[in-house]
Protein backbone atom coordinates (compact mmCIF):
# COMPACT_ATOMS: atom_id res chain seq x y z
CA UNK A 1 0.04 -0.03 0.08
CA UNK A 2 1.21 3.20 -0.94
CA UNK A 3 2.29 6.10 1.90
CA UNK A 4 0.33 9.32 0.58
CA UNK A 5 2.05 12.54 1.09
CA UNK A 6 0.10 15.90 1.22
CA UNK A 7 2.15 19.45 2.63
CA UNK A 8 0.61 23.48 1.66
CA UNK A 9 3.47 26.03 1.45
CA UNK A 10 2.59 29.55 1.39
CA UNK A 11 5.80 31.76 -0.54
CA UNK A 12 6.09 35.16 -2.30
CA UNK A 13 6.89 35.76 -5.69
CA UNK A 14 9.23 38.48 -5.38
CA UNK A 15 9.96 38.94 -8.95
CA UNK A 16 6.39 39.82 -9.78
CA UNK A 17 5.83 42.57 -6.98
CA UNK A 18 4.04 45.67 -8.15
CA UNK A 19 5.14 49.44 -8.40
CA UNK A 20 3.04 49.75 -4.92
CA UNK A 21 5.39 47.70 -3.49
CA UNK A 22 2.96 45.19 -2.73
CA UNK A 23 4.16 40.81 -3.49
CA UNK A 24 1.85 38.28 -4.28
CA UNK A 25 1.13 35.44 -1.84
CA UNK A 26 1.22 31.69 -3.53
CA UNK A 27 0.45 28.37 -2.29
CA UNK A 28 2.59 25.19 -3.53
CA UNK A 29 0.53 22.20 -2.92
CA UNK A 30 2.24 18.95 -3.30
CA UNK A 31 0.78 15.64 -3.18
CA UNK A 32 3.37 12.53 -3.57
CA UNK A 33 6.14 14.44 -5.12
CA UNK A 34 4.23 16.50 -7.33
CA UNK A 35 3.22 20.09 -6.87
CA UNK A 36 1.46 22.91 -8.02
CA UNK A 37 1.38 26.44 -7.71
CA UNK A 38 -1.34 28.58 -6.92
CA UNK A 39 -2.40 32.14 -6.57
CA UNK A 40 -4.10 32.63 -3.98
CA UNK A 41 -5.34 36.45 -4.62
CA UNK A 42 -3.74 38.28 -2.08
CA UNK A 43 -0.96 40.66 -1.56
CA UNK A 44 1.37 41.76 0.95
CA UNK A 45 4.30 43.87 1.11
CA UNK A 46 7.92 41.73 0.98
CA UNK A 47 9.41 43.25 3.68
CA UNK A 48 6.59 42.13 6.32
CA UNK A 49 6.12 38.38 5.21
CA UNK A 50 7.57 35.94 7.59
CA UNK A 51 8.63 32.46 5.15
CA UNK A 52 9.25 30.49 8.65
CA UNK A 53 5.95 31.55 9.68
CA UNK A 54 4.06 31.51 6.64
CA UNK A 55 2.24 34.89 7.93
CA UNK A 56 2.86 38.48 7.87
CA UNK A 57 3.97 39.95 10.37
CA UNK A 58 3.20 43.46 11.63
CA UNK A 59 0.28 45.10 13.22
CA UNK A 60 -1.73 47.05 10.38
CA UNK A 61 -5.10 46.41 8.80
CA UNK A 62 -3.09 44.76 5.63
CA UNK A 63 -1.35 42.40 7.61
CA UNK A 64 -3.92 41.65 10.04
CA UNK A 65 -6.69 41.28 6.44
CA UNK A 66 -4.13 38.08 5.40
CA UNK A 67 -3.39 36.42 8.00
CA UNK A 68 -7.22 36.51 7.96
CA UNK A 69 -7.68 35.26 4.73
CA UNK A 70 -4.68 32.70 5.05
CA UNK A 71 -6.20 31.41 8.40
CA UNK A 72 -9.41 30.86 6.54
CA UNK A 73 -7.64 29.47 3.62
CA UNK A 74 -5.85 26.87 5.54
CA UNK A 75 -9.40 26.01 7.21
CA UNK A 76 -10.44 24.98 3.92
CA UNK A 77 -7.88 22.93 3.01
CA UNK A 78 -8.11 20.83 6.32
């Protein structure tokens, strides 16, 4: 019986930073070694992103909205 593996990682696509300084967040979904990247319709300043936590750092309204959106996105995937 083959073991099933599934993981989701969030990261920034820094090459696509817009003029306002916002960078898109992508999700990489990997299942049994096959990965796909999807854009989750969310932007964050690159300097306010923690790749270790996979969350926006900061207490401003934008960071709170991004983190709320990511929490909702994670809840759907479970």
